[in-house]
């Protein structure tokens, strides 16, 4: 694994904390790291619900990038435990 993928893996793993939010919501069993074209890394975790309102970790990380002003993705890594 090259240095960038290793860094993305470690960054995603650092935010991956599976927890039960409520009887109907769990979060964090999947984490993701997105490397933007500017070189900044953004992270996200999945949010699973008993309805269709959940969100995957990759989309969460991309939303984080866009919210922070980024707009171009270089690499995406997802990690599941």
PDB file of N, CA and C in Angstrom:
ATOM      1  N   UNK A   1       0.862  -1.179   0.000  1.00  0.00           N
ATOM      2  CA  UNK A   1       0.000   0.000   0.000  1.00  0.00           C
ATOM      3  C   UNK A   1       0.904   1.236   0.000  1.00  0.00           C
ATOM      4  N   UNK A   2       0.652   2.170  -0.889  1.00  0.00           N
ATOM      5  CA  UNK A   2       1.512   3.357  -0.915  1.00  0.00           C
ATOM      6  C   UNK A   2       1.195   4.293   0.243  1.00  0.00           C
ATOM      7  N   UNK A   3       2.024   5.297   0.395  1.00  0.00           N
ATOM      8  CA  UNK A   3       1.916   6.199   1.558  1.00  0.00           C
ATOM      9  C   UNK A   3       0.579   6.920   1.638  1.00  0.00           C
ATOM     10  N   UNK A   4       0.062   7.358   0.508  1.00  0.00           N
ATOM     11  CA  UNK A   4      -1.212   8.099   0.513  1.00  0.00           C
ATOM     12  C   UNK A   4      -2.357   7.199   0.976  1.00  0.00           C
ATOM     13  N   UNK A   5      -2.459   5.982   0.420  1.00  0.00           N
ATOM     14  CA  UNK A   5      -3.526   5.067   0.826  1.00  0.00           C
ATOM     15  C   UNK A   5      -3.391   4.707   2.295  1.00  0.00           C
ATOM     16  N   UNK A   6      -2.164   4.524   2.762  1.00  0.00           N
ATOM     17  CA  UNK A   6      -1.920   4.215   4.173  1.00  0.00           C
ATOM     18  C   UNK A   6      -2.383   5.374   5.058  1.00  0.00           C
ATOM     19  N   UNK A   7      -2.078   6.603   4.653  1.00  0.00           N
ATOM     20  CA  UNK A   7      -2.515   7.780   5.400  1.00  0.00           C
ATOM     21  C   UNK A   7      -4.040   7.884   5.409  1.00  0.00           C
ATOM     22  N   UNK A   8      -4.677   7.653   4.266  1.00  0.00           N
ATOM     23  CA  UNK A   8      -6.140   7.692   4.201  1.00  0.00           C
ATOM     24  C   UNK A   8      -6.748   6.622   5.106  1.00  0.00           C
ATOM     25  N   UNK A   9      -6.164   5.428   5.095  1.00  0.00           N
ATOM     26  CA  UNK A   9      -6.655   4.353   5.957  1.00  0.00           C
ATOM     27  C   UNK A   9      -6.551   4.736   7.432  1.00  0.00           C
ATOM     28  N   UNK A  10      -5.400   5.223   7.850  1.00  0.00           N
ATOM     29  CA  UNK A  10      -5.214   5.609   9.256  1.00  0.00           C
ATOM     30  C   UNK A  10      -6.149   6.749   9.650  1.00  0.00           C
ATOM     31  N   UNK A  11      -6.372   7.694   8.755  1.00  0.00           N
ATOM     32  CA  UNK A  11      -7.253   8.830   9.031  1.00  0.00           C
ATOM     33  C   UNK A  11      -8.701   8.368   9.171  1.00  0.00           C
ATOM     34  N   UNK A  12      -9.134   7.487   8.277  1.00  0.00           N
ATOM     35  CA  UNK A  12     -10.492   6.949   8.357  1.00  0.00           C
ATOM     36  C   UNK A  12     -10.657   6.114   9.619  1.00  0.00           C
ATOM     37  N   UNK A  13      -9.680   5.287   9.920  1.00  0.00           N
ATOM     38  CA  UNK A  13      -9.736   4.418  11.100  1.00  0.00           C
ATOM     39  C   UNK A  13      -9.843   5.240  12.389  1.00  0.00           C
ATOM     40  N   UNK A  14      -9.221   6.410  12.418  1.00  0.00           N
ATOM     41  CA  UNK A  14      -9.225   7.255  13.620  1.00  0.00           C
ATOM     42  C   UNK A  14     -10.618   7.766  13.979  1.00  0.00           C
ATOM     43  N   UNK A  15     -11.505   7.905  12.992  1.00  0.00           N
ATOM     44  CA  UNK A  15     -12.857   8.412  13.277  1.00  0.00           C
ATOM     45  C   UNK A  15     -13.888   7.300  13.378  1.00  0.00           C
ATOM     46  N   UNK A  16     -13.464   6.075  13.142  1.00  0.00           N
ATOM     47  CA  UNK A  16     -14.377   4.935  13.141  1.00  0.00           C
ATOM     48  C   UNK A  16     -14.619   4.445  14.561  1.00  0.00           C
ATOM     49  N   UNK A  17     -15.737   4.861  15.110  1.00  0.00           N
ATOM     50  CA  UNK A  17     -16.117   4.475  16.473  1.00  0.00           C
ATOM     51  C   UNK A  17     -17.574   4.037  16.443  1.00  0.00           C
ATOM     52  N   UNK A  18     -17.769   2.743  16.222  1.00  0.00           N
ATOM     53  CA  UNK A  18     -19.124   2.215  16.119  1.00  0.00           C
ATOM     54  C   UNK A  18     -19.867   2.437  17.433  1.00  0.00           C
ATOM     55  N   UNK A  19     -21.021   3.093  17.340  1.00  0.00           N
ATOM     56  CA  UNK A  19     -21.802   3.322  18.554  1.00  0.00           C
ATOM     57  C   UNK A  19     -23.288   3.324  18.246  1.00  0.00           C
ATOM     58  N   UNK A  20     -24.045   2.936  19.236  1.00  0.00           N
ATOM     59  CA  UNK A  20     -25.497   2.947  19.130  1.00  0.00           C
ATOM     60  C   UNK A  20     -25.984   4.287  19.664  1.00  0.00           C
ATOM     61  N   UNK A  21     -26.606   5.061  18.803  1.00  0.00           N
ATOM     62  CA  UNK A  21     -27.113   6.381  19.174  1.00  0.00           C
ATOM     63  C   UNK A  21     -28.451   6.242  19.917  1.00  0.00           C
ATOM     64  N   UNK A  22     -29.292   5.371  19.394  1.00  0.00           N
ATOM     65  CA  UNK A  22     -30.599   5.111  20.006  1.00  0.00           C
ATOM     66  C   UNK A  22     -31.044   3.721  19.586  1.00  0.00           C
ATOM     67  N   UNK A  23     -32.252   3.384  19.948  1.00  0.00           N
ATOM     68  CA  UNK A  23     -32.815   2.094  19.555  1.00  0.00           C
ATOM     69  C   UNK A  23     -32.902   1.969  18.033  1.00  0.00           C
ATOM     70  N   UNK A  24     -32.934   3.114  17.338  1.00  0.00           N
ATOM     71  CA  UNK A  24     -33.156   3.128  15.899  1.00  0.00           C
ATOM     72  C   UNK A  24     -31.977   3.615  15.066  1.00  0.00           C
ATOM     73  N   UNK A  25     -30.924   4.074  15.705  1.00  0.00           N
ATOM     74  CA  UNK A  25     -29.806   4.680  14.963  1.00  0.00           C
ATOM     75  C   UNK A  25     -28.469   4.163  15.487  1.00  0.00           C
ATOM     76  N   UNK A  26     -27.611   3.744  14.544  1.00  0.00           N
ATOM     77  CA  UNK A  26     -26.227   3.394  14.851  1.00  0.00           C
ATOM     78  C   UNK A  26     -25.337   4.176  13.910  1.00  0.00           C
ATOM     79  N   UNK A  27     -24.110   4.421  14.348  1.00  0.00           N
ATOM     80  CA  UNK A  27     -23.188   5.195  13.515  1.00  0.00           C
ATOM     81  C   UNK A  27     -21.770   4.669  13.680  1.00  0.00           C
ATOM     82  N   UNK A  28     -20.980   4.806  12.622  1.00  0.00           N
ATOM     83  CA  UNK A  28     -19.554   4.590  12.715  1.00  0.00           C
ATOM     84  C   UNK A  28     -19.012   3.216  12.395  1.00  0.00           C
ATOM     85  N   UNK A  29     -19.834   2.255  11.962  1.00  0.00           N
ATOM     86  CA  UNK A  29     -19.253   0.950  11.644  1.00  0.00           C
ATOM     87  C   UNK A  29     -18.438   1.008  10.348  1.00  0.00           C
ATOM     88  N   UNK A  30     -18.718   1.987   9.503  1.00  0.00           N
ATOM     89  CA  UNK A  30     -17.915   2.245   8.305  1.00  0.00           C
ATOM     90  C   UNK A  30     -17.417   3.674   8.392  1.00  0.00           C
ATOM     91  N   UNK A  31     -16.142   3.868   8.052  1.00  0.00           N
ATOM     92  CA  UNK A  31     -15.589   5.220   8.011  1.00  0.00           C
ATOM     93  C   UNK A  31     -14.978   5.445   6.634  1.00  0.00           C
ATOM     94  N   UNK A  32     -14.773   6.693   6.289  1.00  0.00           N
ATOM     95  CA  UNK A  32     -14.215   7.031   4.989  1.00  0.00           C
ATOM     96  C   UNK A  32     -13.298   8.236   5.100  1.00  0.00           C
ATOM     97  N   UNK A  33     -12.311   8.268   4.221  1.00  0.00           N
ATOM     98  CA  UNK A  33     -11.438   9.429   4.088  1.00  0.00           C
ATOM     99  C   UNK A  33     -11.394   9.806   2.612  1.00  0.00           C
ATOM    100  N   UNK A  34     -11.558  11.082   2.341  1.00  0.00           N
ATOM    101  CA  UNK A  34     -11.524  11.611   0.977  1.00  0.00           C
ATOM    102  C   UNK A  34     -10.344  12.554   0.873  1.00  0.00           C
ATOM    103  N   UNK A  35      -9.504  12.315  -0.109  1.00  0.00           N
ATOM    104  CA  UNK A  35      -8.395  13.216  -0.413  1.00  0.00           C
ATOM    105  C   UNK A  35      -8.853  14.154  -1.515  1.00  0.00           C
ATOM    106  N   UNK A  36      -8.843  15.453  -1.230  1.00  0.00           N
ATOM    107  CA  UNK A  36      -9.239  16.424  -2.250  1.00  0.00           C
ATOM    108  C   UNK A  36      -8.045  16.726  -3.152  1.00  0.00           C
ATOM    109  N   UNK A  37      -8.315  17.347  -4.280  1.00  0.00           N
ATOM    110  CA  UNK A  37      -7.236  17.701  -5.210  1.00  0.00           C
ATOM    111  C   UNK A  37      -6.272  18.707  -4.594  1.00  0.00           C
ATOM    112  N   UNK A  38      -6.701  19.426  -3.558  1.00  0.00           N
ATOM    113  CA  UNK A  38      -5.820  20.388  -2.884  1.00  0.00           C
ATOM    114  C   UNK A  38      -4.899  19.702  -1.880  1.00  0.00           C
ATOM    115  N   UNK A  39      -5.137  18.398  -1.610  1.00  0.00           N
ATOM    116  CA  UNK A  39      -4.305  17.655  -0.681  1.00  0.00           C
ATOM    117  C   UNK A  39      -4.877  17.525   0.716  1.00  0.00           C
ATOM    118  N   UNK A  40      -6.010  18.161   0.964  1.00  0.00           N
ATOM    119  CA  UNK A  40      -6.641  18.072   2.286  1.00  0.00           C
ATOM    120  C   UNK A  40      -7.469  16.796   2.378  1.00  0.00           C
ATOM    121  N   UNK A  41      -7.500  16.192   3.577  1.00  0.00           N
ATOM    122  CA  UNK A  41      -8.260  14.966   3.806  1.00  0.00           C
ATOM    123  C   UNK A  41      -9.500  15.289   4.641  1.00  0.00           C
ATOM    124  N   UNK A  42     -10.627  14.746   4.193  1.00  0.00           N
ATOM    125  CA  UNK A  42     -11.901  14.912   4.887  1.00  0.00           C
ATOM    126  C   UNK A  42     -12.411  13.530   5.286  1.00  0.00           C
ATOM    127  N   UNK A  43     -13.089  13.443   6.420  1.00  0.00           N
ATOM    128  CA  UNK A  43     -13.570  12.157   6.909  1.00  0.00           C
ATOM    129  C   UNK A  43     -15.079  12.160   7.097  1.00  0.00           C
ATOM    130  N   UNK A  44     -15.623  10.951   7.188  1.00  0.00           N
ATOM    131  CA  UNK A  44     -17.033  10.778   7.477  1.00  0.00           C
ATOM    132  C   UNK A  44     -17.279   9.367   7.972  1.00  0.00           C
ATOM    133  N   UNK A  45     -18.394   9.157   8.620  1.00  0.00           N
ATOM    134  CA  UNK A  45     -18.812   7.825   9.066  1.00  0.00           C
ATOM    135  C   UNK A  45     -20.222   7.561   8.566  1.00  0.00           C
ATOM    136  N   UNK A  46     -20.572   6.272   8.503  1.00  0.00           N
ATOM    137  CA  UNK A  46     -21.935   5.931   8.098  1.00  0.00           C
ATOM    138  C   UNK A  46     -22.882   6.175   9.263  1.00  0.00           C
ATOM    139  N   UNK A  47     -24.112   6.442   8.924  1.00  0.00           N
ATOM    140  CA  UNK A  47     -25.180   6.564   9.910  1.00  0.00           C
ATOM    141  C   UNK A  47     -26.301   5.659   9.422  1.00  0.00           C
ATOM    142  N   UNK A  48     -26.580   4.614  10.197  1.00  0.00           N
ATOM    143  CA  UNK A  48     -27.605   3.639   9.839  1.00  0.00           C
ATOM    144  C   UNK A  48     -28.842   3.861  10.697  1.00  0.00           C
ATOM    145  N   UNK A  49     -29.998   3.925  10.032  1.00  0.00           N
ATOM    146  CA  UNK A  49     -31.256   4.129  10.737  1.00  0.00           C
ATOM    147  C   UNK A  49     -32.240   3.037  10.351  1.00  0.00           C
ATOM    148  N   UNK A  50     -33.321   2.962  11.076  1.00  0.00           N
ATOM    149  CA  UNK A  50     -34.354   1.976  10.768  1.00  0.00           C
ATOM    150  C   UNK A  50     -35.222   2.433   9.596  1.00  0.00           C
ATOM    151  N   UNK A  51     -34.964   3.626   9.095  1.00  0.00           N
ATOM    152  CA  UNK A  51     -35.690   4.132   7.926  1.00  0.00           C
ATOM    153  C   UNK A  51     -34.683   4.379   6.803  1.00  0.00           C
ATOM    154  N   UNK A  52     -35.093   5.029   5.774  1.00  0.00           N
ATOM    155  CA  UNK A  52     -34.199   5.289   4.641  1.00  0.00           C
ATOM    156  C   UNK A  52     -33.380   6.566   4.816  1.00  0.00           C
ATOM    157  N   UNK A  53     -33.335   7.121   6.005  1.00  0.00           N
ATOM    158  CA  UNK A  53     -32.624   8.380   6.235  1.00  0.00           C
ATOM    159  C   UNK A  53     -31.144   8.204   6.555  1.00  0.00           C
ATOM    160  N   UNK A  54     -30.612   6.990   6.493  1.00  0.00           N
ATOM    161  CA  UNK A  54     -29.195   6.763   6.759  1.00  0.00           C
ATOM    162  C   UNK A  54     -28.323   7.346   5.661  1.00  0.00           C
ATOM    163  N   UNK A  55     -27.018   7.350   5.909  1.00  0.00           N
ATOM    164  CA  UNK A  55     -26.073   7.882   4.930  1.00  0.00           C
ATOM    165  C   UNK A  55     -24.774   7.095   5.004  1.00  0.00           C
ATOM    166  N   UNK A  56     -24.178   6.840   3.865  1.00  0.00           N
ATOM    167  CA  UNK A  56     -22.930   6.085   3.843  1.00  0.00           C
ATOM    168  C   UNK A  56     -21.750   6.998   4.205  1.00  0.00           C
ATOM    169  N   UNK A  57     -20.679   6.382   4.648  1.00  0.00           N
ATOM    170  CA  UNK A  57     -19.493   7.115   5.101  1.00  0.00           C
ATOM    171  C   UNK A  57     -18.855   7.932   3.978  1.00  0.00           C
ATOM    172  N   UNK A  58     -18.817   7.374   2.777  1.00  0.00           N
ATOM    173  CA  UNK A  58     -18.204   8.084   1.651  1.00  0.00           C
ATOM    174  C   UNK A  58     -18.954   9.372   1.331  1.00  0.00           C
ATOM    175  N   UNK A  59     -20.261   9.289   1.274  1.00  0.00           N
ATOM    176  CA  UNK A  59     -21.060  10.493   1.009  1.00  0.00           C
ATOM    177  C   UNK A  59     -20.884  11.502   2.129  1.00  0.00           C
ATOM    178  N   UNK A  60     -20.825  11.029   3.370  1.00  0.00           N
ATOM    179  CA  UNK A  60     -20.633  11.912   4.507  1.00  0.00           C
ATOM    180  C   UNK A  60     -19.295  12.652   4.398  1.00  0.00           C
ATOM    181  N   UNK A  61     -18.235  11.946   4.025  1.00  0.00           N
ATOM    182  CA  UNK A  61     -16.918  12.576   3.861  1.00  0.00           C
ATOM    183  C   UNK A  61     -16.930  13.578   2.704  1.00  0.00           C
ATOM    184  N   UNK A  62     -17.597  13.226   1.613  1.00  0.00           N
ATOM    185  CA  UNK A  62     -17.695  14.144   0.468  1.00  0.00           C
ATOM    186  C   UNK A  62     -18.486  15.389   0.847  1.00  0.00           C
ATOM    187  N   UNK A  63     -19.581  15.211   1.584  1.00  0.00           N
ATOM    188  CA  UNK A  63     -20.362  16.360   2.060  1.00  0.00           C
ATOM    189  C   UNK A  63     -19.496  17.252   2.947  1.00  0.00           C
ATOM    190  N   UNK A  64     -18.678  16.641   3.794  1.00  0.00           N
ATOM    191  CA  UNK A  64     -17.763  17.386   4.655  1.00  0.00           C
ATOM    192  C   UNK A  64     -16.793  18.213   3.799  1.00  0.00           C
ATOM    193  N   UNK A  65     -16.258  17.606   2.731  1.00  0.00           N
ATOM    194  CA  UNK A  65     -15.347  18.315   1.842  1.00  0.00           C
ATOM    195  C   UNK A  65     -16.048  19.513   1.186  1.00  0.00           C
ATOM    196  N   UNK A  66     -17.224  19.290   0.649  1.00  0.00           N
ATOM    197  CA  UNK A  66     -17.955  20.359  -0.037  1.00  0.00           C
ATOM    198  C   UNK A  66     -18.320  21.475   0.935  1.00  0.00           C
ATOM    199  N   UNK A  67     -18.785  21.113   2.136  1.00  0.00           N
ATOM    200  CA  UNK A  67     -19.131  22.106   3.150  1.00  0.00           C
ATOM    201  C   UNK A  67     -17.924  22.957   3.532  1.00  0.00           C
ATOM    202  N   UNK A  68     -16.742  22.352   3.480  1.00  0.00           N
ATOM    203  CA  UNK A  68     -15.509  23.055   3.852  1.00  0.00           C
ATOM    204  C   UNK A  68     -14.872  23.807   2.685  1.00  0.00           C
ATOM    205  N   UNK A  69     -15.527  23.801   1.527  1.00  0.00           N
ATOM    206  CA  UNK A  69     -15.043  24.583   0.394  1.00  0.00           C
ATOM    207  C   UNK A  69     -14.333  23.796  -0.691  1.00  0.00           C
ATOM    208  N   UNK A  70     -14.118  22.505  -0.481  1.00  0.00           N
ATOM    209  CA  UNK A  70     -13.479  21.686  -1.516  1.00  0.00           C
ATOM    210  C   UNK A  70     -14.466  21.319  -2.595  1.00  0.00           C
ATOM    211  N   UNK A  71     -13.947  20.947  -3.782  1.00  0.00           N
ATOM    212  CA  UNK A  71     -14.877  20.583  -4.848  1.00  0.00           C
ATOM    213  C   UNK A  71     -14.332  19.546  -5.827  1.00  0.00           C
ATOM    214  N   UNK A  72     -13.136  19.015  -5.573  1.00  0.00           N
ATOM    215  CA  UNK A  72     -12.591  18.022  -6.489  1.00  0.00           C
ATOM    216  C   UNK A  72     -11.935  16.889  -5.698  1.00  0.00           C
ATOM    217  N   UNK A  73     -12.339  15.671  -6.001  1.00  0.00           N
ATOM    218  CA  UNK A  73     -11.855  14.492  -5.291  1.00  0.00           C
ATOM    219  C   UNK A  73     -10.690  13.859  -6.043  1.00  0.00           C
ATOM    220  N   UNK A  74      -9.627  13.520  -5.302  1.00  0.00           N
ATOM    221  CA  UNK A  74      -8.495  12.792  -5.886  1.00  0.00           C
ATOM    222  C   UNK A  74      -8.584  11.297  -5.561  1.00  0.00           C
ATOM    223  N   UNK A  75      -8.919  10.958  -4.303  1.00  0.00           N
ATOM    224  CA  UNK A  75      -9.015   9.564  -3.868  1.00  0.00           C
ATOM    225  C   UNK A  75     -10.086   9.438  -2.791  1.00  0.00           C
ATOM    226  N   UNK A  76     -10.707   8.249  -2.740  1.00  0.00           N
ATOM    227  CA  UNK A  76     -11.690   7.940  -1.699  1.00  0.00           C
ATOM    228  C   UNK A  76     -11.371   6.562  -1.135  1.00  0.00           C
ATOM    229  N   UNK A  77     -11.355   6.459   0.186  1.00  0.00           N
ATOM    230  CA  UNK A  77     -11.138   5.176   0.853  1.00  0.00           C
ATOM    231  C   UNK A  77     -12.274   4.957   1.835  1.00  0.00           C
ATOM    232  N   UNK A  78     -12.813   3.731   1.864  1.00  0.00           N
ATOM    233  CA  UNK A  78     -13.819   3.353   2.848  1.00  0.00           C
ATOM    234  C   UNK A  78     -13.279   2.186   3.651  1.00  0.00           C
ATOM    235  N   UNK A  79     -13.558   2.170   4.948  1.00  0.00           N
ATOM    236  CA  UNK A  79     -13.071   1.128   5.837  1.00  0.00           C
ATOM    237  C   UNK A  79     -14.223   0.579   6.651  1.00  0.00           C
ATOM    238  N   UNK A  80     -14.340  -0.747   6.648  1.00  0.00           N
ATOM    239  CA  UNK A  80     -15.390  -1.438   7.396  1.00  0.00           C
ATOM    240  C   UNK A  80     -14.740  -2.371   8.403  1.00  0.00           C
ATOM    241  N   UNK A  81     -15.247  -2.375   9.637  1.00  0.00           N
ATOM    242  CA  UNK A  81     -14.699  -3.315  10.620  1.00  0.00           C
ATOM    243  C   UNK A  81     -15.630  -4.458  10.860  1.00  0.00           C
TER     244      UNK A  81
END
